[in-house]
């Protein structure tokens, strides 16, 4: 299952509206097929793995990070039917599929065909892997990552707006990697006018994975998708993972609207003093409301800068 999860990770931010799934086929202790959901959602992981395995799939165990789909689509057959037709003997799955078109039907159909099915294998990791897909179904909006790059005293710029560069090259490279794992990236009107950001991915080999550019503004802008409010992210078709990069007013609006699922906090070992704060009013009425909302998920050094990743608790 660890190998299947690693394969699923290859599709993060590239498979909407489908989930990014990984599949490994094992027969007699040997991997005979591997697959992961391709860009745009097709082919599915199981179809890719079965195509690689061929006749070797008969009698194999399929390790899948999500319940195989049970519905036929104009874009391809149901993966459950493909696994049955290939003669797979066993399915080891991380979790069920909440899509009502499948939601247990894939497992039931496989069992009815004589396939042994085990579920719940490394489910927590699998859920984190498809957070965008799950958030879209549970909250009817994309999974939102908010990125903040600040000084030690919480500033994002000098009083005159100078902000290049607070963090060093390693932290900036990591930001580009994060961009490549989201279908869209959003900034506010102030950031657009102050920085004219490209919001592309400038890492060798990942240049083609630049996300769609979204502007939070009531005034349309040529070359940008424009939405009038944070809540309007629900209308972004084909976006299950959205990265919000700035600025302070935009970040505060998303936090005030309880629309942030993950925080990327890059902190540089510098002090700015008087300057522009990373956040404004986020709607807190009591200090107690600030506690118990965020859980530290990761922390590491990126050159001289520190990255902390927080997730909703």
C-alpha atoms as a PDB file:
ATOM      1  CA  UNK A   1       0.000   0.000   0.000  1.00  0.00           C
ATOM      2  CA  UNK A   2       2.915   2.314   0.607  1.00  0.00           C
ATOM      3  CA  UNK A   3       3.919   1.941  -3.040  1.00  0.00           C
ATOM      4  CA  UNK A   4       0.332   2.621  -4.144  1.00  0.00           C
ATOM      5  CA  UNK A   5       0.229   5.778  -2.024  1.00  0.00           C
ATOM      6  CA  UNK A   6       3.499   6.950  -3.548  1.00  0.00           C
ATOM      7  CA  UNK A   7       2.014   6.472  -7.004  1.00  0.00           C
ATOM      8  CA  UNK A   8      -1.139   8.370  -6.012  1.00  0.00           C
ATOM      9  CA  UNK A   9       1.052  11.269  -4.920  1.00  0.00           C
ATOM     10  CA  UNK A  10       2.172  11.734  -8.528  1.00  0.00           C
ATOM     11  CA  UNK A  11      -1.306  12.951  -9.428  1.00  0.00           C
ATOM     12  CA  UNK A  12      -1.838  15.486  -6.642  1.00  0.00           C
ATOM     13  CA  UNK A  13      -3.271  18.685  -8.103  1.00  0.00           C
ATOM     14  CA  UNK A  14      -3.636  17.272 -11.638  1.00  0.00           C
ATOM     15  CA  UNK A  15      -6.597  14.892 -11.722  1.00  0.00           C
ATOM     16  CA  UNK A  16      -9.679  16.963 -10.800  1.00  0.00           C
ATOM     17  CA  UNK A  17     -12.545  16.284 -10.864  1.00  0.00           C
ATOM     18  CA  UNK A  18     -11.363  12.717 -10.255  1.00  0.00           C
ATOM     19  CA  UNK A  19      -9.378  11.657  -7.184  1.00  0.00           C
ATOM     20  CA  UNK A  20      -5.662  10.919  -7.504  1.00  0.00           C
ATOM     21  CA  UNK A  21      -5.441   7.171  -6.925  1.00  0.00           C
ATOM     22  CA  UNK A  22      -2.581   4.682  -6.925  1.00  0.00           C
ATOM     23  CA  UNK A  23      -2.718   0.961  -7.728  1.00  0.00           C
ATOM     24  CA  UNK A  24      -0.160  -1.842  -7.494  1.00  0.00           C
ATOM     25  CA  UNK A  25      -0.803  -5.395  -8.710  1.00  0.00           C
ATOM     26  CA  UNK A  26       1.194  -8.147  -7.002  1.00  0.00           C
ATOM     27  CA  UNK A  27       1.289 -11.804  -8.026  1.00  0.00           C
ATOM     28  CA  UNK A  28       3.369 -14.436  -6.263  1.00  0.00           C
ATOM     29  CA  UNK A  29       5.390 -11.785  -4.472  1.00  0.00           C
ATOM     30  CA  UNK A  30       6.232  -9.833  -7.626  1.00  0.00           C
ATOM     31  CA  UNK A  31       4.853  -6.496  -8.799  1.00  0.00           C
ATOM     32  CA  UNK A  32       3.247  -7.081 -12.195  1.00  0.00           C
ATOM     33  CA  UNK A  33       1.452  -3.771 -12.694  1.00  0.00           C
ATOM     34  CA  UNK A  34       1.531  -0.181 -11.447  1.00  0.00           C
ATOM     35  CA  UNK A  35      -0.751   2.735 -12.168  1.00  0.00           C
ATOM     36  CA  UNK A  36      -1.843   6.167 -11.014  1.00  0.00           C
ATOM     37  CA  UNK A  37      -4.627   8.478 -12.142  1.00  0.00           C
ATOM     38  CA  UNK A  38      -3.398  10.482 -15.106  1.00  0.00           C
ATOM     39  CA  UNK A  39      -3.723  14.224 -15.659  1.00  0.00           C
ATOM     40  CA  UNK A  40      -7.319  15.233 -16.218  1.00  0.00           C
ATOM     41  CA  UNK A  41      -8.614  12.135 -14.417  1.00  0.00           C
ATOM     42  CA  UNK A  42      -8.155   9.406 -17.033  1.00  0.00           C
ATOM     43  CA  UNK A  43      -6.990   6.684 -17.366  1.00  0.00           C
ATOM     44  CA  UNK A  44      -7.730   5.567 -13.827  1.00  0.00           C
ATOM     45  CA  UNK A  45      -4.992   3.957 -11.755  1.00  0.00           C
ATOM     46  CA  UNK A  46      -6.482   0.455 -11.950  1.00  0.00           C
ATOM     47  CA  UNK A  47      -6.841   0.588 -15.743  1.00  0.00           C
ATOM     48  CA  UNK A  48      -3.221   1.661 -16.115  1.00  0.00           C
ATOM     49  CA  UNK A  49      -1.963  -1.091 -13.783  1.00  0.00           C
ATOM     50  CA  UNK A  50      -4.053  -3.777 -15.501  1.00  0.00           C
ATOM     51  CA  UNK A  51      -2.813  -2.699 -18.931  1.00  0.00           C
ATOM     52  CA  UNK A  52       0.771  -3.091 -17.739  1.00  0.00           C
ATOM     53  CA  UNK A  53       0.115  -6.461 -16.081  1.00  0.00           C
ATOM     54  CA  UNK A  54      -1.789  -8.109 -18.934  1.00  0.00           C
ATOM     55  CA  UNK A  55      -2.408 -11.816 -18.258  1.00  0.00           C
ATOM     56  CA  UNK A  56      -0.229 -11.620 -15.146  1.00  0.00           C
ATOM     57  CA  UNK A  57      -3.135  -9.867 -13.381  1.00  0.00           C
ATOM     58  CA  UNK A  58      -5.032 -13.160 -13.117  1.00  0.00           C
ATOM     59  CA  UNK A  59      -4.815 -14.343  -9.519  1.00  0.00           C
ATOM     60  CA  UNK A  60      -3.049 -11.143  -8.405  1.00  0.00           C
ATOM     61  CA  UNK A  61      -3.712  -8.914  -5.417  1.00  0.00           C
ATOM     62  CA  UNK A  62      -4.658  -5.320  -6.227  1.00  0.00           C
ATOM     63  CA  UNK A  63      -3.514  -2.711  -3.708  1.00  0.00           C
ATOM     64  CA  UNK A  64      -5.593   0.430  -4.334  1.00  0.00           C
ATOM     65  CA  UNK A  65      -5.755   3.672  -2.380  1.00  0.00           C
ATOM     66  CA  UNK A  66      -9.484   4.114  -3.070  1.00  0.00           C
ATOM     67  CA  UNK A  67     -12.408   1.820  -3.750  1.00  0.00           C
ATOM     68  CA  UNK A  68     -12.478   0.986  -7.488  1.00  0.00           C
ATOM     69  CA  UNK A  69     -15.208   2.926  -9.275  1.00  0.00           C
ATOM     70  CA  UNK A  70     -18.449   1.065 -10.006  1.00  0.00           C
ATOM     71  CA  UNK A  71     -20.000   3.330 -12.637  1.00  0.00           C
ATOM     72  CA  UNK A  72     -19.456   3.365 -16.378  1.00  0.00           C
ATOM     73  CA  UNK A  73     -18.419   6.762 -17.716  1.00  0.00           C
ATOM     74  CA  UNK A  74     -18.286   8.124 -21.284  1.00  0.00           C
ATOM     75  CA  UNK A  75     -14.553   8.446 -20.578  1.00  0.00           C
ATOM     76  CA  UNK A  76     -14.022   4.797 -19.660  1.00  0.00           C
ATOM     77  CA  UNK A  77     -15.333   1.571 -18.088  1.00  0.00           C
ATOM     78  CA  UNK A  78     -15.812   0.923 -14.382  1.00  0.00           C
ATOM     79  CA  UNK A  79     -12.579  -0.164 -12.728  1.00  0.00           C
ATOM     80  CA  UNK A  80     -14.420  -2.767 -10.641  1.00  0.00           C
ATOM     81  CA  UNK A  81     -15.546  -4.484 -13.843  1.00  0.00           C
ATOM     82  CA  UNK A  82     -12.009  -4.325 -15.240  1.00  0.00           C
ATOM     83  CA  UNK A  83     -10.587  -5.984 -12.108  1.00  0.00           C
ATOM     84  CA  UNK A  84     -13.241  -8.714 -12.234  1.00  0.00           C
ATOM     85  CA  UNK A  85     -12.662  -9.375 -15.933  1.00  0.00           C
ATOM     86  CA  UNK A  86      -8.891  -9.554 -15.393  1.00  0.00           C
ATOM     87  CA  UNK A  87      -9.320 -12.301 -12.796  1.00  0.00           C
ATOM     88  CA  UNK A  88      -7.840 -10.431  -9.823  1.00  0.00           C
ATOM     89  CA  UNK A  89      -8.138 -12.631  -6.732  1.00  0.00           C
ATOM     90  CA  UNK A  90      -7.909 -10.056  -3.962  1.00  0.00           C
ATOM     91  CA  UNK A  91      -8.390  -6.332  -3.394  1.00  0.00           C
ATOM     92  CA  UNK A  92      -6.616  -4.513  -0.578  1.00  0.00           C
ATOM     93  CA  UNK A  93      -8.113  -1.024  -0.375  1.00  0.00           C
ATOM     94  CA  UNK A  94      -7.279   1.954   1.797  1.00  0.00           C
ATOM     95  CA  UNK A  95     -10.791   3.414   1.898  1.00  0.00           C
ATOM     96  CA  UNK A  96     -14.231   3.537   0.327  1.00  0.00           C
ATOM     97  CA  UNK A  97     -15.243   6.030  -2.338  1.00  0.00           C
ATOM     98  CA  UNK A  98     -17.769   8.654  -1.102  1.00  0.00           C
ATOM     99  CA  UNK A  99     -18.965   9.294  -4.660  1.00  0.00           C
ATOM    100  CA  UNK A 100     -22.610   8.098  -4.576  1.00  0.00           C
ATOM    101  CA  UNK A 101     -22.095   6.397  -7.935  1.00  0.00           C
ATOM    102  CA  UNK A 102     -19.721   3.976  -6.196  1.00  0.00           C
ATOM    103  CA  UNK A 103     -19.916   4.302  -2.355  1.00  0.00           C
ATOM    104  CA  UNK A 104     -19.578   0.606  -1.473  1.00  0.00           C
ATOM    105  CA  UNK A 105     -20.928  -0.756  -4.743  1.00  0.00           C
ATOM    106  CA  UNK A 106     -17.433  -1.419  -6.051  1.00  0.00           C
ATOM    107  CA  UNK A 107     -16.570  -3.571  -3.048  1.00  0.00           C
ATOM    108  CA  UNK A 108     -19.945  -5.330  -3.145  1.00  0.00           C
ATOM    109  CA  UNK A 109     -19.662  -6.183  -6.841  1.00  0.00           C
ATOM    110  CA  UNK A 110     -16.120  -7.489  -6.375  1.00  0.00           C
ATOM    111  CA  UNK A 111     -17.176  -9.710  -3.454  1.00  0.00           C
ATOM    112  CA  UNK A 112     -20.131 -11.012  -5.453  1.00  0.00           C
ATOM    113  CA  UNK A 113     -17.645 -12.029  -8.163  1.00  0.00           C
ATOM    114  CA  UNK A 114     -15.630 -14.045  -5.623  1.00  0.00           C
ATOM    115  CA  UNK A 115     -12.861 -11.510  -5.019  1.00  0.00           C
ATOM    116  CA  UNK A 116     -11.593 -11.196  -1.444  1.00  0.00           C
ATOM    117  CA  UNK A 117     -11.824  -7.550  -0.294  1.00  0.00           C
ATOM    118  CA  UNK A 118     -10.016  -5.966   2.658  1.00  0.00           C
ATOM    119  CA  UNK A 119     -10.526  -2.283   3.483  1.00  0.00           C
ATOM    120  CA  UNK A 120      -9.043   0.316   5.833  1.00  0.00           C
ATOM    121  CA  UNK A 121      -5.383  -0.323   4.963  1.00  0.00           C
ATOM    122  CA  UNK A 122      -3.496   2.923   5.793  1.00  0.00           C
ATOM    123  CA  UNK A 123      -6.734   4.843   5.452  1.00  0.00           C
ATOM    124  CA  UNK A 124      -5.527   7.991   7.234  1.00  0.00           C
ATOM    125  CA  UNK A 125      -2.728   8.465   4.714  1.00  0.00           C
ATOM    126  CA  UNK A 126      -5.049   7.754   1.818  1.00  0.00           C
ATOM    127  CA  UNK A 127      -7.529  10.375   3.002  1.00  0.00           C
ATOM    128  CA  UNK A 128      -4.785  12.982   3.230  1.00  0.00           C
ATOM    129  CA  UNK A 129      -3.684  12.069  -0.293  1.00  0.00           C
ATOM    130  CA  UNK A 130      -7.102  12.896  -1.799  1.00  0.00           C
ATOM    131  CA  UNK A 131      -7.971  15.804   0.498  1.00  0.00           C
ATOM    132  CA  UNK A 132      -9.045  17.917  -2.481  1.00  0.00           C
ATOM    133  CA  UNK A 133     -11.495  15.307  -3.761  1.00  0.00           C
ATOM    134  CA  UNK A 134     -12.938  14.726  -0.281  1.00  0.00           C
ATOM    135  CA  UNK A 135     -13.245  18.441   0.526  1.00  0.00           C
ATOM    136  CA  UNK A 136     -15.072  19.123  -2.736  1.00  0.00           C
ATOM    137  CA  UNK A 137     -17.656  16.493  -1.814  1.00  0.00           C
ATOM    138  CA  UNK A 138     -17.982  17.295   1.879  1.00  0.00           C
ATOM    139  CA  UNK A 139     -17.753  21.105   1.738  1.00  0.00           C
ATOM    140  CA  UNK A 140     -18.644  21.750  -1.922  1.00  0.00           C
ATOM    141  CA  UNK A 141     -15.464  23.750  -2.497  1.00  0.00           C
ATOM    142  CA  UNK A 142     -11.762  23.126  -3.142  1.00  0.00           C
ATOM    143  CA  UNK A 143      -9.263  22.204  -0.449  1.00  0.00           C
ATOM    144  CA  UNK A 144      -7.504  25.505   0.325  1.00  0.00           C
ATOM    145  CA  UNK A 145      -3.833  25.945   1.195  1.00  0.00           C
ATOM    146  CA  UNK A 146      -2.845  29.405   2.447  1.00  0.00           C
ATOM    147  CA  UNK A 147       0.801  30.347   1.983  1.00  0.00           C
ATOM    148  CA  UNK A 148       2.424  33.046   4.139  1.00  0.00           C
ATOM    149  CA  UNK A 149       6.079  34.118   3.987  1.00  0.00           C
ATOM    150  CA  UNK A 150       6.958  36.329   6.948  1.00  0.00           C
ATOM    151  CA  UNK A 151       9.761  37.734   9.041  1.00  0.00           C
ATOM    152  CA  UNK A 152      10.185  36.535  12.616  1.00  0.00           C
ATOM    153  CA  UNK A 153       7.971  39.398  13.753  1.00  0.00           C
ATOM    154  CA  UNK A 154       5.153  38.490  11.381  1.00  0.00           C
ATOM    155  CA  UNK A 155       5.708  41.054   8.646  1.00  0.00           C
ATOM    156  CA  UNK A 156       5.319  40.407   4.915  1.00  0.00           C
ATOM    157  CA  UNK A 157       6.815  43.702   3.688  1.00  0.00           C
ATOM    158  CA  UNK A 158       8.445  46.956   4.719  1.00  0.00           C
ATOM    159  CA  UNK A 159       6.133  49.961   5.221  1.00  0.00           C
ATOM    160  CA  UNK A 160       6.750  51.036   1.609  1.00  0.00           C
ATOM    161  CA  UNK A 161       5.659  47.607   0.341  1.00  0.00           C
ATOM    162  CA  UNK A 162       9.109  46.177  -0.425  1.00  0.00           C
ATOM    163  CA  UNK A 163       8.864  42.406  -0.018  1.00  0.00           C
ATOM    164  CA  UNK A 164      11.435  40.843  -2.369  1.00  0.00           C
ATOM    165  CA  UNK A 165      12.839  38.766  -0.955  1.00  0.00           C
ATOM    166  CA  UNK A 166      11.865  37.924   2.626  1.00  0.00           C
ATOM    167  CA  UNK A 167      12.663  34.236   2.268  1.00  0.00           C
ATOM    168  CA  UNK A 168      15.648  32.628   0.576  1.00  0.00           C
ATOM    169  CA  UNK A 169      15.955  30.535  -2.615  1.00  0.00           C
ATOM    170  CA  UNK A 170      15.243  27.184  -0.942  1.00  0.00           C
ATOM    171  CA  UNK A 171      11.944  28.386   0.496  1.00  0.00           C
ATOM    172  CA  UNK A 172      10.976  29.971  -2.813  1.00  0.00           C
ATOM    173  CA  UNK A 173      11.752  26.717  -4.648  1.00  0.00           C
ATOM    174  CA  UNK A 174       9.525  24.852  -2.216  1.00  0.00           C
ATOM    175  CA  UNK A 175       6.723  27.313  -2.952  1.00  0.00           C
ATOM    176  CA  UNK A 176       7.050  26.503  -6.650  1.00  0.00           C
ATOM    177  CA  UNK A 177       6.816  22.794  -5.840  1.00  0.00           C
ATOM    178  CA  UNK A 178       3.639  23.479  -3.882  1.00  0.00           C
ATOM    179  CA  UNK A 179       2.210  25.440  -6.800  1.00  0.00           C
ATOM    180  CA  UNK A 180       2.703  22.410  -9.048  1.00  0.00           C
ATOM    181  CA  UNK A 181       0.470  20.381  -6.700  1.00  0.00           C
ATOM    182  CA  UNK A 182      -2.572  22.659  -7.038  1.00  0.00           C
ATOM    183  CA  UNK A 183      -4.988  23.119  -9.909  1.00  0.00           C
ATOM    184  CA  UNK A 184      -5.293  26.861  -9.270  1.00  0.00           C
ATOM    185  CA  UNK A 185      -3.589  29.687  -7.391  1.00  0.00           C
ATOM    186  CA  UNK A 186      -5.280  32.863  -6.146  1.00  0.00           C
ATOM    187  CA  UNK A 187      -4.135  36.368  -5.240  1.00  0.00           C
ATOM    188  CA  UNK A 188      -5.931  39.606  -4.469  1.00  0.00           C
ATOM    189  CA  UNK A 189      -6.083  42.825  -6.450  1.00  0.00           C
ATOM    190  CA  UNK A 190      -3.462  44.481  -4.231  1.00  0.00           C
ATOM    191  CA  UNK A 191      -0.892  41.773  -4.928  1.00  0.00           C
ATOM    192  CA  UNK A 192      -1.611  41.910  -8.647  1.00  0.00           C
ATOM    193  CA  UNK A 193      -1.051  45.668  -8.801  1.00  0.00           C
ATOM    194  CA  UNK A 194       1.985  45.704  -6.522  1.00  0.00           C
ATOM    195  CA  UNK A 195       3.867  42.665  -7.834  1.00  0.00           C
ATOM    196  CA  UNK A 196       2.398  41.656 -11.236  1.00  0.00           C
ATOM    197  CA  UNK A 197       2.972  38.020 -10.191  1.00  0.00           C
ATOM    198  CA  UNK A 198       3.502  35.336 -12.824  1.00  0.00           C
ATOM    199  CA  UNK A 199       2.424  32.531 -10.462  1.00  0.00           C
ATOM    200  CA  UNK A 200       4.116  29.956 -12.662  1.00  0.00           C
ATOM    201  CA  UNK A 201       6.296  26.982 -11.724  1.00  0.00           C
ATOM    202  CA  UNK A 202       9.970  27.632 -12.250  1.00  0.00           C
ATOM    203  CA  UNK A 203      11.416  24.224 -11.421  1.00  0.00           C
ATOM    204  CA  UNK A 204      13.168  22.092 -14.051  1.00  0.00           C
ATOM    205  CA  UNK A 205      10.770  19.475 -15.388  1.00  0.00           C
ATOM    206  CA  UNK A 206       7.679  20.959 -13.743  1.00  0.00           C
ATOM    207  CA  UNK A 207       7.195  24.066 -15.850  1.00  0.00           C
ATOM    208  CA  UNK A 208       4.116  22.577 -17.524  1.00  0.00           C
ATOM    209  CA  UNK A 209       2.411  22.072 -14.165  1.00  0.00           C
ATOM    210  CA  UNK A 210       1.695  25.743 -13.524  1.00  0.00           C
ATOM    211  CA  UNK A 211      -1.752  26.198 -11.940  1.00  0.00           C
ATOM    212  CA  UNK A 212      -4.575  28.315 -13.305  1.00  0.00           C
ATOM    213  CA  UNK A 213      -4.390  31.936 -12.135  1.00  0.00           C
ATOM    214  CA  UNK A 214      -7.358  33.267 -10.171  1.00  0.00           C
ATOM    215  CA  UNK A 215      -7.875  36.858  -9.056  1.00  0.00           C
ATOM    216  CA  UNK A 216     -10.063  37.843  -6.109  1.00  0.00           C
ATOM    217  CA  UNK A 217     -11.677  41.005  -7.421  1.00  0.00           C
ATOM    218  CA  UNK A 218     -15.012  42.434  -8.490  1.00  0.00           C
ATOM    219  CA  UNK A 219     -13.353  43.882 -11.585  1.00  0.00           C
ATOM    220  CA  UNK A 220     -12.398  41.468 -14.401  1.00  0.00           C
ATOM    221  CA  UNK A 221      -8.749  41.363 -15.458  1.00  0.00           C
ATOM    222  CA  UNK A 222      -7.492  40.212 -18.844  1.00  0.00           C
ATOM    223  CA  UNK A 223      -5.650  36.908 -18.622  1.00  0.00           C
ATOM    224  CA  UNK A 224      -7.104  36.013 -15.224  1.00  0.00           C
ATOM    225  CA  UNK A 225     -10.052  34.031 -13.929  1.00  0.00           C
ATOM    226  CA  UNK A 226     -11.838  36.433 -11.613  1.00  0.00           C
ATOM    227  CA  UNK A 227     -14.098  35.651  -8.658  1.00  0.00           C
ATOM    228  CA  UNK A 228     -15.859  38.310  -6.561  1.00  0.00           C
ATOM    229  CA  UNK A 229     -15.552  36.742  -3.100  1.00  0.00           C
ATOM    230  CA  UNK A 230     -13.748  33.954  -1.237  1.00  0.00           C
ATOM    231  CA  UNK A 231     -16.947  31.898  -1.124  1.00  0.00           C
ATOM    232  CA  UNK A 232     -17.028  31.930  -4.927  1.00  0.00           C
ATOM    233  CA  UNK A 233     -14.177  29.403  -5.025  1.00  0.00           C
ATOM    234  CA  UNK A 234     -16.979  26.828  -5.013  1.00  0.00           C
ATOM    235  CA  UNK A 235     -17.682  27.829  -8.621  1.00  0.00           C
ATOM    236  CA  UNK A 236     -14.158  27.019  -9.877  1.00  0.00           C
ATOM    237  CA  UNK A 237     -14.819  24.005 -12.088  1.00  0.00           C
ATOM    238  CA  UNK A 238     -12.039  21.435 -12.244  1.00  0.00           C
ATOM    239  CA  UNK A 239     -10.315  22.816  -9.145  1.00  0.00           C
ATOM    240  CA  UNK A 240     -10.110  20.532  -6.110  1.00  0.00           C
ATOM    241  CA  UNK A 241      -6.920  22.068  -4.674  1.00  0.00           C
ATOM    242  CA  UNK A 242      -6.511  25.843  -4.482  1.00  0.00           C
ATOM    243  CA  UNK A 243      -3.430  27.708  -3.244  1.00  0.00           C
ATOM    244  CA  UNK A 244      -3.885  31.237  -1.860  1.00  0.00           C
ATOM    245  CA  UNK A 245      -0.704  33.332  -1.958  1.00  0.00           C
ATOM    246  CA  UNK A 246      -1.723  36.794  -0.924  1.00  0.00           C
ATOM    247  CA  UNK A 247      -1.759  39.403   0.196  1.00  0.00           C
ATOM    248  CA  UNK A 248      -2.749  40.183   3.767  1.00  0.00           C
ATOM    249  CA  UNK A 249      -6.284  41.307   2.989  1.00  0.00           C
ATOM    250  CA  UNK A 250      -6.978  38.237   0.879  1.00  0.00           C
ATOM    251  CA  UNK A 251      -5.447  35.875   3.436  1.00  0.00           C
ATOM    252  CA  UNK A 252      -7.497  37.462   6.212  1.00  0.00           C
ATOM    253  CA  UNK A 253     -10.702  37.178   4.184  1.00  0.00           C
ATOM    254  CA  UNK A 254     -10.195  33.452   3.639  1.00  0.00           C
ATOM    255  CA  UNK A 255      -9.435  32.874   7.312  1.00  0.00           C
ATOM    256  CA  UNK A 256     -12.408  34.958   8.406  1.00  0.00           C
ATOM    257  CA  UNK A 257     -14.608  32.881   6.111  1.00  0.00           C
ATOM    258  CA  UNK A 258     -13.273  29.636   7.616  1.00  0.00           C
ATOM    259  CA  UNK A 259     -12.126  28.573   4.154  1.00  0.00           C
ATOM    260  CA  UNK A 260      -8.526  27.542   4.905  1.00  0.00           C
ATOM    261  CA  UNK A 261      -7.676  23.852   5.363  1.00  0.00           C
ATOM    262  CA  UNK A 262      -3.883  24.019   5.395  1.00  0.00           C
ATOM    263  CA  UNK A 263      -1.287  26.665   6.261  1.00  0.00           C
ATOM    264  CA  UNK A 264       2.188  26.933   4.755  1.00  0.00           C
ATOM    265  CA  UNK A 265       4.122  29.279   7.019  1.00  0.00           C
ATOM    266  CA  UNK A 266       7.615  30.205   5.797  1.00  0.00           C
ATOM    267  CA  UNK A 267       9.550  32.245   8.373  1.00  0.00           C
ATOM    268  CA  UNK A 268      12.790  33.995   7.572  1.00  0.00           C
ATOM    269  CA  UNK A 269      15.371  34.735  10.329  1.00  0.00           C
ATOM    270  CA  UNK A 270      14.956  38.498   9.954  1.00  0.00           C
ATOM    271  CA  UNK A 271      13.245  41.299  11.841  1.00  0.00           C
ATOM    272  CA  UNK A 272      11.486  44.086   9.974  1.00  0.00           C
ATOM    273  CA  UNK A 273       9.924  46.060  12.796  1.00  0.00           C
ATOM    274  CA  UNK A 274       7.482  48.592  11.463  1.00  0.00           C
ATOM    275  CA  UNK A 275       6.018  47.095   8.309  1.00  0.00           C
ATOM    276  CA  UNK A 276       3.032  45.377   6.799  1.00  0.00           C
ATOM    277  CA  UNK A 277       1.524  42.608   8.914  1.00  0.00           C
ATOM    278  CA  UNK A 278       0.810  39.202   7.432  1.00  0.00           C
ATOM    279  CA  UNK A 279      -2.815  39.317   8.560  1.00  0.00           C
ATOM    280  CA  UNK A 280      -5.521  41.814   9.409  1.00  0.00           C
ATOM    281  CA  UNK A 281      -8.879  41.153  11.055  1.00  0.00           C
ATOM    282  CA  UNK A 282      -9.828  37.476  10.743  1.00  0.00           C
ATOM    283  CA  UNK A 283     -13.063  37.731  12.664  1.00  0.00           C
ATOM    284  CA  UNK A 284     -12.024  36.593  16.138  1.00  0.00           C
ATOM    285  CA  UNK A 285     -14.210  37.967  18.917  1.00  0.00           C
ATOM    286  CA  UNK A 286     -12.490  36.137  21.805  1.00  0.00           C
ATOM    287  CA  UNK A 287      -8.947  34.803  22.207  1.00  0.00           C
ATOM    288  CA  UNK A 288     -10.359  31.399  23.111  1.00  0.00           C
ATOM    289  CA  UNK A 289     -11.630  31.076  19.536  1.00  0.00           C
ATOM    290  CA  UNK A 290      -8.043  31.033  18.272  1.00  0.00           C
ATOM    291  CA  UNK A 291      -7.119  27.842  20.159  1.00  0.00           C
ATOM    292  CA  UNK A 292      -7.688  24.295  18.973  1.00  0.00           C
ATOM    293  CA  UNK A 293      -8.051  25.225  15.287  1.00  0.00           C
ATOM    294  CA  UNK A 294      -4.666  24.175  13.894  1.00  0.00           C
ATOM    295  CA  UNK A 295      -2.475  21.096  14.212  1.00  0.00           C
ATOM    296  CA  UNK A 296       1.226  21.057  13.306  1.00  0.00           C
ATOM    297  CA  UNK A 297       1.632  18.504  10.513  1.00  0.00           C
ATOM    298  CA  UNK A 298       5.224  19.153   9.425  1.00  0.00           C
ATOM    299  CA  UNK A 299       8.217  21.359  10.217  1.00  0.00           C
ATOM    300  CA  UNK A 300      11.581  21.593   8.492  1.00  0.00           C
ATOM    301  CA  UNK A 301      14.412  23.937   7.616  1.00  0.00           C
ATOM    302  CA  UNK A 302      14.705  25.203   4.047  1.00  0.00           C
ATOM    303  CA  UNK A 303      18.130  26.760   3.968  1.00  0.00           C
ATOM    304  CA  UNK A 304      18.046  29.437   6.671  1.00  0.00           C
ATOM    305  CA  UNK A 305      14.220  29.640   6.625  1.00  0.00           C
ATOM    306  CA  UNK A 306      11.813  27.523   8.642  1.00  0.00           C
ATOM    307  CA  UNK A 307       8.709  25.946   7.145  1.00  0.00           C
ATOM    308  CA  UNK A 308       5.787  24.949   9.344  1.00  0.00           C
ATOM    309  CA  UNK A 309       2.752  23.200   7.889  1.00  0.00           C
ATOM    310  CA  UNK A 310      -0.505  23.331   9.822  1.00  0.00           C
ATOM    311  CA  UNK A 311      -3.769  21.528   9.094  1.00  0.00           C
ATOM    312  CA  UNK A 312      -7.282  22.044  10.416  1.00  0.00           C
ATOM    313  CA  UNK A 313      -7.657  20.242  13.723  1.00  0.00           C
END
